[in-house]
PDB file of N, CA and C in Angstrom:
ATOM      1  N   MET A   1       0.847  -1.169   0.000  1.00  0.00           N
ATOM      2  CA  MET A   1       0.000   0.000   0.000  1.00  0.00           C
ATOM      3  C   MET A   1       0.894   1.234   0.000  1.00  0.00           C
ATOM      4  N   ALA A   2       0.521   2.216  -0.782  1.00  0.00           N
ATOM      5  CA  ALA A   2       1.314   3.437  -0.874  1.00  0.00           C
ATOM      6  C   ALA A   2       1.251   4.195   0.442  1.00  0.00           C
ATOM      7  N   ASP A   3       2.373   4.768   0.818  1.00  0.00           N
ATOM      8  CA  ASP A   3       2.414   5.548   2.050  1.00  0.00           C
ATOM      9  C   ASP A   3       1.678   6.860   1.869  1.00  0.00           C
ATOM     10  N   MET A   4       0.911   7.205   2.883  1.00  0.00           N
ATOM     11  CA  MET A   4       0.259   8.505   2.871  1.00  0.00           C
ATOM     12  C   MET A   4       1.316   9.520   3.284  1.00  0.00           C
ATOM     13  N   HIS A   5       1.267  10.679   2.706  1.00  0.00           N
ATOM     14  CA  HIS A   5       2.267  11.685   3.039  1.00  0.00           C
ATOM     15  C   HIS A   5       1.561  12.925   3.549  1.00  0.00           C
ATOM     16  N   PHE A   6       1.947  13.349   4.724  1.00  0.00           N
ATOM     17  CA  PHE A   6       1.389  14.564   5.307  1.00  0.00           C
ATOM     18  C   PHE A   6       2.533  15.547   5.509  1.00  0.00           C
ATOM     19  N   ASP A   7       2.469  16.645   4.792  1.00  0.00           N
ATOM     20  CA  ASP A   7       3.518  17.655   4.839  1.00  0.00           C
ATOM     21  C   ASP A   7       3.242  18.615   5.994  1.00  0.00           C
ATOM     22  N   THR A   8       3.913  18.373   7.126  1.00  0.00           N
ATOM     23  CA  THR A   8       3.672  19.189   8.317  1.00  0.00           C
ATOM     24  C   THR A   8       4.123  20.630   8.104  1.00  0.00           C
ATOM     25  N   GLN A   9       5.230  20.819   7.400  1.00  0.00           N
ATOM     26  CA  GLN A   9       5.716  22.184   7.169  1.00  0.00           C
ATOM     27  C   GLN A   9       4.723  22.980   6.333  1.00  0.00           C
ATOM     28  N   LYS A  10       4.158  22.364   5.330  1.00  0.00           N
ATOM     29  CA  LYS A  10       3.173  23.046   4.490  1.00  0.00           C
ATOM     30  C   LYS A  10       1.942  23.409   5.321  1.00  0.00           C
ATOM     31  N   MET A  11       1.555  22.509   6.223  1.00  0.00           N
ATOM     32  CA  MET A  11       0.409  22.774   7.096  1.00  0.00           C
ATOM     33  C   MET A  11       0.703  23.949   8.018  1.00  0.00           C
ATOM     34  N   VAL A  12       1.911  23.990   8.588  1.00  0.00           N
ATOM     35  CA  VAL A  12       2.297  25.095   9.464  1.00  0.00           C
ATOM     36  C   VAL A  12       2.261  26.410   8.686  1.00  0.00           C
ATOM     37  N   GLU A  13       2.815  26.404   7.485  1.00  0.00           N
ATOM     38  CA  GLU A  13       2.830  27.617   6.670  1.00  0.00           C
ATOM     39  C   GLU A  13       1.414  28.070   6.330  1.00  0.00           C
ATOM     40  N   ARG A  14       0.537  27.118   6.032  1.00  0.00           N
ATOM     41  CA  ARG A  14      -0.849  27.462   5.707  1.00  0.00           C
ATOM     42  C   ARG A  14      -1.555  28.068   6.918  1.00  0.00           C
ATOM     43  N   LEU A  15      -1.347  27.473   8.091  1.00  0.00           N
ATOM     44  CA  LEU A  15      -1.983  27.999   9.301  1.00  0.00           C
ATOM     45  C   LEU A  15      -1.422  29.381   9.664  1.00  0.00           C
ATOM     46  N   GLU A  16      -0.120  29.519   9.559  1.00  0.00           N
ATOM     47  CA  GLU A  16       0.488  30.823   9.858  1.00  0.00           C
ATOM     48  C   GLU A  16      -0.013  31.878   8.869  1.00  0.00           C
ATOM     49  N   GLY A  17      -0.179  31.489   7.625  1.00  0.00           N
ATOM     50  CA  GLY A  17      -0.709  32.408   6.620  1.00  0.00           C
ATOM     51  C   GLY A  17      -2.131  32.837   6.918  1.00  0.00           C
ATOM     52  N   ALA A  18      -2.859  31.994   7.653  1.00  0.00           N
ATOM     53  CA  ALA A  18      -4.233  32.319   8.031  1.00  0.00           C
ATOM     54  C   ALA A  18      -4.294  33.076   9.351  1.00  0.00           C
ATOM     55  N   GLY A  19      -3.111  33.385   9.925  1.00  0.00           N
ATOM     56  CA  GLY A  19      -3.083  34.176  11.149  1.00  0.00           C
ATOM     57  C   GLY A  19      -2.929  33.386  12.432  1.00  0.00           C
ATOM     58  N   VAL A  20      -2.713  32.084  12.336  1.00  0.00           N
ATOM     59  CA  VAL A  20      -2.522  31.270  13.541  1.00  0.00           C
ATOM     60  C   VAL A  20      -1.081  31.462  14.020  1.00  0.00           C
ATOM     61  N   PRO A  21      -0.893  31.717  15.330  1.00  0.00           N
ATOM     62  CA  PRO A  21       0.470  31.882  15.851  1.00  0.00           C
ATOM     63  C   PRO A  21       1.319  30.633  15.587  1.00  0.00           C
ATOM     64  N   SER A  22       2.606  30.832  15.378  1.00  0.00           N
ATOM     65  CA  SER A  22       3.516  29.757  14.998  1.00  0.00           C
ATOM     66  C   SER A  22       3.497  28.558  15.954  1.00  0.00           C
ATOM     67  N   PRO A  23       3.604  28.775  17.284  1.00  0.00           N
ATOM     68  CA  PRO A  23       3.581  27.598  18.187  1.00  0.00           C
ATOM     69  C   PRO A  23       2.276  26.800  18.069  1.00  0.00           C
ATOM     70  N   GLN A  24       1.169  27.521  17.936  1.00  0.00           N
ATOM     71  CA  GLN A  24      -0.122  26.843  17.818  1.00  0.00           C
ATOM     72  C   GLN A  24      -0.212  26.114  16.471  1.00  0.00           C
ATOM     73  N   ALA A  25       0.302  26.716  15.414  1.00  0.00           N
ATOM     74  CA  ALA A  25       0.288  26.084  14.092  1.00  0.00           C
ATOM     75  C   ALA A  25       1.114  24.807  14.105  1.00  0.00           C
ATOM     76  N   ARG A  26       2.274  24.840  14.765  1.00  0.00           N
ATOM     77  CA  ARG A  26       3.111  23.640  14.846  1.00  0.00           C
ATOM     78  C   ARG A  26       2.416  22.542  15.658  1.00  0.00           C
ATOM     79  N   ALA A  27       1.741  22.942  16.749  1.00  0.00           N
ATOM     80  CA  ALA A  27       1.035  21.956  17.577  1.00  0.00           C
ATOM     81  C   ALA A  27      -0.106  21.306  16.790  1.00  0.00           C
ATOM     82  N   HIS A  28      -0.871  22.107  16.059  1.00  0.00           N
ATOM     83  CA  HIS A  28      -1.968  21.557  15.252  1.00  0.00           C
ATOM     84  C   HIS A  28      -1.426  20.625  14.174  1.00  0.00           C
ATOM     85  N   SER A  29      -0.346  21.038  13.539  1.00  0.00           N
ATOM     86  CA  SER A  29       0.252  20.230  12.481  1.00  0.00           C
ATOM     87  C   SER A  29       0.755  18.896  13.027  1.00  0.00           C
ATOM     88  N   ALA A  30       1.409  18.936  14.180  1.00  0.00           N
ATOM     89  CA  ALA A  30       1.924  17.706  14.790  1.00  0.00           C
ATOM     90  C   ALA A  30       0.777  16.781  15.193  1.00  0.00           C
ATOM     91  N   GLY A  31      -0.278  17.341  15.743  1.00  0.00           N
ATOM     92  CA  GLY A  31      -1.433  16.531  16.134  1.00  0.00           C
ATOM     93  C   GLY A  31      -2.104  15.884  14.940  1.00  0.00           C
ATOM     94  N   LEU A  32      -2.258  16.643  13.876  1.00  0.00           N
ATOM     95  CA  LEU A  32      -2.873  16.090  12.672  1.00  0.00           C
ATOM     96  C   LEU A  32      -1.986  15.014  12.042  1.00  0.00           C
ATOM     97  N   ALA A  33      -0.669  15.212  12.102  1.00  0.00           N
ATOM     98  CA  ALA A  33       0.258  14.204  11.577  1.00  0.00           C
ATOM     99  C   ALA A  33       0.113  12.894  12.356  1.00  0.00           C
ATOM    100  N   GLU A  34      -0.078  12.980  13.662  1.00  0.00           N
ATOM    101  CA  GLU A  34      -0.279  11.774  14.470  1.00  0.00           C
ATOM    102  C   GLU A  34      -1.554  11.040  14.057  1.00  0.00           C
ATOM    103  N   VAL A  35      -2.616  11.799  13.822  1.00  0.00           N
ATOM    104  CA  VAL A  35      -3.884  11.195  13.409  1.00  0.00           C
ATOM    105  C   VAL A  35      -3.724  10.509  12.050  1.00  0.00           C
ATOM    106  N   VAL A  36      -3.072  11.191  11.109  1.00  0.00           N
ATOM    107  CA  VAL A  36      -2.868  10.620   9.775  1.00  0.00           C
ATOM    108  C   VAL A  36      -2.039   9.346   9.875  1.00  0.00           C
ATOM    109  N   ASN A  37      -0.979   9.351  10.688  1.00  0.00           N
ATOM    110  CA  ASN A  37      -0.138   8.161  10.836  1.00  0.00           C
ATOM    111  C   ASN A  37      -0.902   7.009  11.495  1.00  0.00           C
ATOM    112  N   ALA A  38      -1.711   7.314  12.484  1.00  0.00           N
ATOM    113  CA  ALA A  38      -2.506   6.277  13.140  1.00  0.00           C
ATOM    114  C   ALA A  38      -3.528   5.699  12.163  1.00  0.00           C
ATOM    115  N   PHE A  39      -4.136   6.561  11.356  1.00  0.00           N
ATOM    116  CA  PHE A  39      -5.108   6.112  10.365  1.00  0.00           C
ATOM    117  C   PHE A  39      -4.428   5.215   9.342  1.00  0.00           C
ATOM    118  N   GLU A  40      -3.236   5.597   8.906  1.00  0.00           N
ATOM    119  CA  GLU A  40      -2.495   4.781   7.939  1.00  0.00           C
ATOM    120  C   GLU A  40      -2.170   3.410   8.516  1.00  0.00           C
ATOM    121  N   ALA A  41      -1.767   3.370   9.780  1.00  0.00           N
ATOM    122  CA  ALA A  41      -1.455   2.094  10.427  1.00  0.00           C
ATOM    123  C   ALA A  41      -2.709   1.213  10.502  1.00  0.00           C
ATOM    124  N   THR A  42      -3.844   1.823  10.790  1.00  0.00           N
ATOM    125  CA  THR A  42      -5.102   1.079  10.861  1.00  0.00           C
ATOM    126  C   THR A  42      -5.463   0.502   9.502  1.00  0.00           C
ATOM    127  N   ILE A  43      -5.311   1.296   8.462  1.00  0.00           N
ATOM    128  CA  ILE A  43      -5.612   0.819   7.108  1.00  0.00           C
ATOM    129  C   ILE A  43      -4.698  -0.343   6.752  1.00  0.00           C
ATOM    130  N   THR A  44      -3.424  -0.215   7.053  1.00  0.00           N
ATOM    131  CA  THR A  44      -2.452  -1.249   6.733  1.00  0.00           C
ATOM    132  C   THR A  44      -2.801  -2.564   7.428  1.00  0.00           C
ATOM    133  N   GLU A  45      -3.291  -2.489   8.659  1.00  0.00           N
ATOM    134  CA  GLU A  45      -3.641  -3.690   9.409  1.00  0.00           C
ATOM    135  C   GLU A  45      -4.948  -4.319   8.927  1.00  0.00           C
ATOM    136  N   ARG A  46      -5.877  -3.505   8.423  1.00  0.00           N
ATOM    137  CA  ARG A  46      -7.209  -4.006   8.109  1.00  0.00           C
ATOM    138  C   ARG A  46      -7.351  -4.588   6.715  1.00  0.00           C
ATOM    139  N   PHE A  47      -6.498  -4.223   5.800  1.00  0.00           N
ATOM    140  CA  PHE A  47      -6.664  -4.659   4.427  1.00  0.00           C
ATOM    141  C   PHE A  47      -5.527  -5.577   4.005  1.00  0.00           C
ATOM    142  N   ALA A  48      -5.840  -6.493   3.124  1.00  0.00           N
ATOM    143  CA  ALA A  48      -4.860  -7.463   2.646  1.00  0.00           C
ATOM    144  C   ALA A  48      -3.932  -6.820   1.616  1.00  0.00           C
ATOM    145  N   SER A  49      -2.683  -7.227   1.663  1.00  0.00           N
ATOM    146  CA  SER A  49      -1.718  -6.766   0.663  1.00  0.00           C
ATOM    147  C   SER A  49      -1.772  -7.712  -0.538  1.00  0.00           C
ATOM    148  N   LYS A  50      -1.077  -7.343  -1.598  1.00  0.00           N
ATOM    149  CA  LYS A  50      -1.015  -8.221  -2.774  1.00  0.00           C
ATOM    150  C   LYS A  50      -0.374  -9.552  -2.404  1.00  0.00           C
ATOM    151  N   GLN A  51       0.629  -9.517  -1.530  1.00  0.00           N
ATOM    152  CA  GLN A  51       1.285 -10.753  -1.109  1.00  0.00           C
ATOM    153  C   GLN A  51       0.307 -11.642  -0.331  1.00  0.00           C
ATOM    154  N   ASP A  52      -0.516 -11.021   0.521  1.00  0.00           N
ATOM    155  CA  ASP A  52      -1.522 -11.796   1.262  1.00  0.00           C
ATOM    156  C   ASP A  52      -2.497 -12.470   0.303  1.00  0.00           C
ATOM    157  N   LEU A  53      -2.930 -11.735  -0.711  1.00  0.00           N
ATOM    158  CA  LEU A  53      -3.878 -12.289  -1.676  1.00  0.00           C
ATOM    159  C   LEU A  53      -3.255 -13.400  -2.504  1.00  0.00           C
ATOM    160  N   GLU A  54      -1.990 -13.243  -2.886  1.00  0.00           N
ATOM    161  CA  GLU A  54      -1.304 -14.298  -3.638  1.00  0.00           C
ATOM    162  C   GLU A  54      -1.181 -15.564  -2.798  1.00  0.00           C
ATOM    163  N   LYS A  55      -0.839 -15.403  -1.520  1.00  0.00           N
ATOM    164  CA  LYS A  55      -0.715 -16.558  -0.629  1.00  0.00           C
ATOM    165  C   LYS A  55      -2.074 -17.257  -0.483  1.00  0.00           C
ATOM    166  N   LEU A  56      -3.122 -16.474  -0.311  1.00  0.00           N
ATOM    167  CA  LEU A  56      -4.464 -17.035  -0.189  1.00  0.00           C
ATOM    168  C   LEU A  56      -4.882 -17.742  -1.476  1.00  0.00           C
ATOM    169  N   LYS A  57      -4.545 -17.160  -2.616  1.00  0.00           N
ATOM    170  CA  LYS A  57      -4.866 -17.766  -3.913  1.00  0.00           C
ATOM    171  C   LYS A  57      -4.189 -19.135  -4.038  1.00  0.00           C
ATOM    172  N   THR A  58      -2.921 -19.204  -3.667  1.00  0.00           N
ATOM    173  CA  THR A  58      -2.178 -20.466  -3.729  1.00  0.00           C
ATOM    174  C   THR A  58      -2.814 -21.513  -2.821  1.00  0.00           C
ATOM    175  N   GLN A  59      -3.176 -21.109  -1.612  1.00  0.00           N
ATOM    176  CA  GLN A  59      -3.814 -22.034  -0.677  1.00  0.00           C
ATOM    177  C   GLN A  59      -5.175 -22.500  -1.199  1.00  0.00           C
ATOM    178  N   LEU A  60      -5.921 -21.595  -1.801  1.00  0.00           N
ATOM    179  CA  LEU A  60      -7.234 -21.949  -2.331  1.00  0.00           C
ATOM    180  C   LEU A  60      -7.117 -22.919  -3.499  1.00  0.00           C
ATOM    181  N   ILE A  61      -6.161 -22.680  -4.374  1.00  0.00           N
ATOM    182  CA  ILE A  61      -5.939 -23.594  -5.502  1.00  0.00           C
ATOM    183  C   ILE A  61      -5.560 -24.982  -4.992  1.00  0.00           C
ATOM    184  N   ALA A  62      -4.679 -25.033  -3.997  1.00  0.00           N
ATOM    185  CA  ALA A  62      -4.276 -26.319  -3.421  1.00  0.00           C
ATOM    186  C   ALA A  62      -5.476 -27.040  -2.813  1.00  0.00           C
ATOM    187  N   TRP A  63      -6.346 -26.300  -2.132  1.00  0.00           N
ATOM    188  CA  TRP A  63      -7.530 -26.905  -1.528  1.00  0.00           C
ATOM    189  C   TRP A  63      -8.464 -27.451  -2.606  1.00  0.00           C
ATOM    190  N   VAL A  64      -8.704 -26.661  -3.664  1.00  0.00           N
ATOM    191  CA  VAL A  64      -9.594 -27.101  -4.740  1.00  0.00           C
ATOM    192  C   VAL A  64      -9.045 -28.361  -5.405  1.00  0.00           C
ATOM    193  N   VAL A  65      -7.740 -28.388  -5.668  1.00  0.00           N
ATOM    194  CA  VAL A  65      -7.127 -29.566  -6.284  1.00  0.00           C
ATOM    195  C   VAL A  65      -7.301 -30.782  -5.380  1.00  0.00           C
ATOM    196  N   SER A  66      -7.091 -30.618  -4.084  1.00  0.00           N
ATOM    197  CA  SER A  66      -7.241 -31.753  -3.168  1.00  0.00           C
ATOM    198  C   SER A  66      -8.687 -32.242  -3.130  1.00  0.00           C
ATOM    199  N   VAL A  67      -9.649 -31.334  -3.197  1.00  0.00           N
ATOM    200  CA  VAL A  67     -11.056 -31.733  -3.215  1.00  0.00           C
ATOM    201  C   VAL A  67     -11.372 -32.491  -4.510  1.00  0.00           C
ATOM    202  N   VAL A  68     -10.889 -31.974  -5.633  1.00  0.00           N
ATOM    203  CA  VAL A  68     -11.133 -32.628  -6.918  1.00  0.00           C
ATOM    204  C   VAL A  68     -10.531 -34.035  -6.916  1.00  0.00           C
ATOM    205  N   VAL A  69      -9.319 -34.175  -6.417  1.00  0.00           N
ATOM    206  CA  VAL A  69      -8.667 -35.483  -6.363  1.00  0.00           C
ATOM    207  C   VAL A  69      -9.447 -36.409  -5.430  1.00  0.00           C
ATOM    208  N   SER A  70      -9.874 -35.904  -4.290  1.00  0.00           N
ATOM    209  CA  SER A  70     -10.633 -36.735  -3.346  1.00  0.00           C
ATOM    210  C   SER A  70     -11.947 -37.209  -3.950  1.00  0.00           C
ATOM    211  N   VAL A  71     -12.641 -36.304  -4.633  1.00  0.00           N
ATOM    212  CA  VAL A  71     -13.899 -36.679  -5.273  1.00  0.00           C
ATOM    213  C   VAL A  71     -13.643 -37.713  -6.369  1.00  0.00           C
ATOM    214  N   GLY A  72     -12.568 -37.545  -7.113  1.00  0.00           N
ATOM    215  CA  GLY A  72     -12.207 -38.510  -8.149  1.00  0.00           C
ATOM    216  C   GLY A  72     -11.935 -39.884  -7.569  1.00  0.00           C
ATOM    217  N   ILE A  73     -11.203 -39.930  -6.481  1.00  0.00           N
ATOM    218  CA  ILE A  73     -10.902 -41.210  -5.822  1.00  0.00           C
ATOM    219  C   ILE A  73     -12.182 -41.844  -5.293  1.00  0.00           C
ATOM    220  N   LEU A  74     -13.037 -41.047  -4.689  1.00  0.00           N
ATOM    221  CA  LEU A  74     -14.303 -41.559  -4.167  1.00  0.00           C
ATOM    222  C   LEU A  74     -15.182 -42.086  -5.297  1.00  0.00           C
ATOM    223  N   GLN A  75     -15.236 -41.347  -6.375  1.00  0.00           N
ATOM    224  CA  GLN A  75     -16.044 -41.772  -7.522  1.00  0.00           C
ATOM    225  C   GLN A  75     -15.511 -43.083  -8.102  1.00  0.00           C
ATOM    226  N   THR A  76     -14.209 -43.179  -8.238  1.00  0.00           N
ATOM    227  CA  THR A  76     -13.599 -44.406  -8.756  1.00  0.00           C
ATOM    228  C   THR A  76     -13.887 -45.577  -7.822  1.00  0.00           C
ATOM    229  N   THR A  77     -13.790 -45.365  -6.542  1.00  0.00           N
ATOM    230  CA  THR A  77     -14.051 -46.412  -5.557  1.00  0.00           C
ATOM    231  C   THR A  77     -15.500 -46.883  -5.655  1.00  0.00           C
ATOM    232  N   LEU A  78     -16.420 -45.949  -5.778  1.00  0.00           N
ATOM    233  CA  LEU A  78     -17.830 -46.326  -5.891  1.00  0.00           C
ATOM    234  C   LEU A  78     -18.104 -47.107  -7.173  1.00  0.00           C
ATOM    235  N   ILE A  79     -17.507 -46.698  -8.278  1.00  0.00           N
ATOM    236  CA  ILE A  79     -17.693 -47.411  -9.543  1.00  0.00           C
ATOM    237  C   ILE A  79     -17.138 -48.828  -9.443  1.00  0.00           C
ATOM    238  N   VAL A  80     -15.948 -48.962  -8.869  1.00  0.00           N
ATOM    239  CA  VAL A  80     -15.341 -50.294  -8.704  1.00  0.00           C
ATOM    240  C   VAL A  80     -16.223 -51.152  -7.803  1.00  0.00           C
ATOM    241  N   ALA A  81     -16.740 -50.581  -6.727  1.00  0.00           N
ATOM    242  CA  ALA A  81     -17.616 -51.340  -5.824  1.00  0.00           C
ATOM    243  C   ALA A  81     -18.884 -51.797  -6.544  1.00  0.00           C
ATOM    244  N   LEU A  82     -19.463 -50.931  -7.346  1.00  0.00           N
ATOM    245  CA  LEU A  82     -20.679 -51.307  -8.089  1.00  0.00           C
ATOM    246  C   LEU A  82     -20.374 -52.393  -9.116  1.00  0.00           C
ATOM    247  N   VAL A  83     -19.272 -52.268  -9.813  1.00  0.00           N
ATOM    248  CA  VAL A  83     -18.887 -53.280 -10.806  1.00  0.00           C
ATOM    249  C   VAL A  83     -18.653 -54.624 -10.120  1.00  0.00           C
ATOM    250  N   LEU A  84     -17.967 -54.630  -9.000  1.00  0.00           N
ATOM    251  CA  LEU A  84     -17.720 -55.877  -8.268  1.00  0.00           C
ATOM    252  C   LEU A  84     -19.012 -56.495  -7.760  1.00  0.00           C
ATOM    253  N   LYS A  85     -19.959 -55.636  -7.380  1.00  0.00           N
ATOM    254  CA  LYS A  85     -21.230 -56.140  -6.883  1.00  0.00           C
ATOM    255  C   LYS A  85     -22.053 -56.743  -8.032  1.00  0.00           C
ATOM    256  N   LEU A  86     -21.913 -56.213  -9.231  1.00  0.00           N
ATOM    257  CA  LEU A  86     -22.649 -56.721 -10.375  1.00  0.00           C
ATOM    258  C   LEU A  86     -22.052 -58.008 -10.933  1.00  0.00           C
ATOM    259  N   LEU A  87     -20.783 -58.242 -10.688  1.00  0.00           N
ATOM    260  CA  LEU A  87     -20.141 -59.459 -11.192  1.00  0.00           C
ATOM    261  C   LEU A  87     -20.627 -60.669 -10.383  1.00  0.00           C
ATOM    262  N   PRO A  88     -20.808 -61.836 -11.071  1.00  0.00           N
ATOM    263  CA  PRO A  88     -21.288 -63.042 -10.354  1.00  0.00           C
ATOM    264  C   PRO A  88     -20.282 -63.617  -9.394  1.00  0.00           C
TER     265      PRO A  88
END
């Protein structure tokens, strides 16, 4: 996932340009940067990465193949049992 970028200096300059005193502008910028970073960490934890999806895809394919093979073996066993039962 692409990193979110929050330009604290640009935020400070924007606030100062709007008349906010420098110490207060820096405090607001730092607080907002913390929120953005926490939000980014939450997003990173909640959503799957491409690597996670590839791993899941591989596991799913392996499971499907094992089910298909198991069904094939079961079907063959049932056919053999029926043929043996029909033979005198």
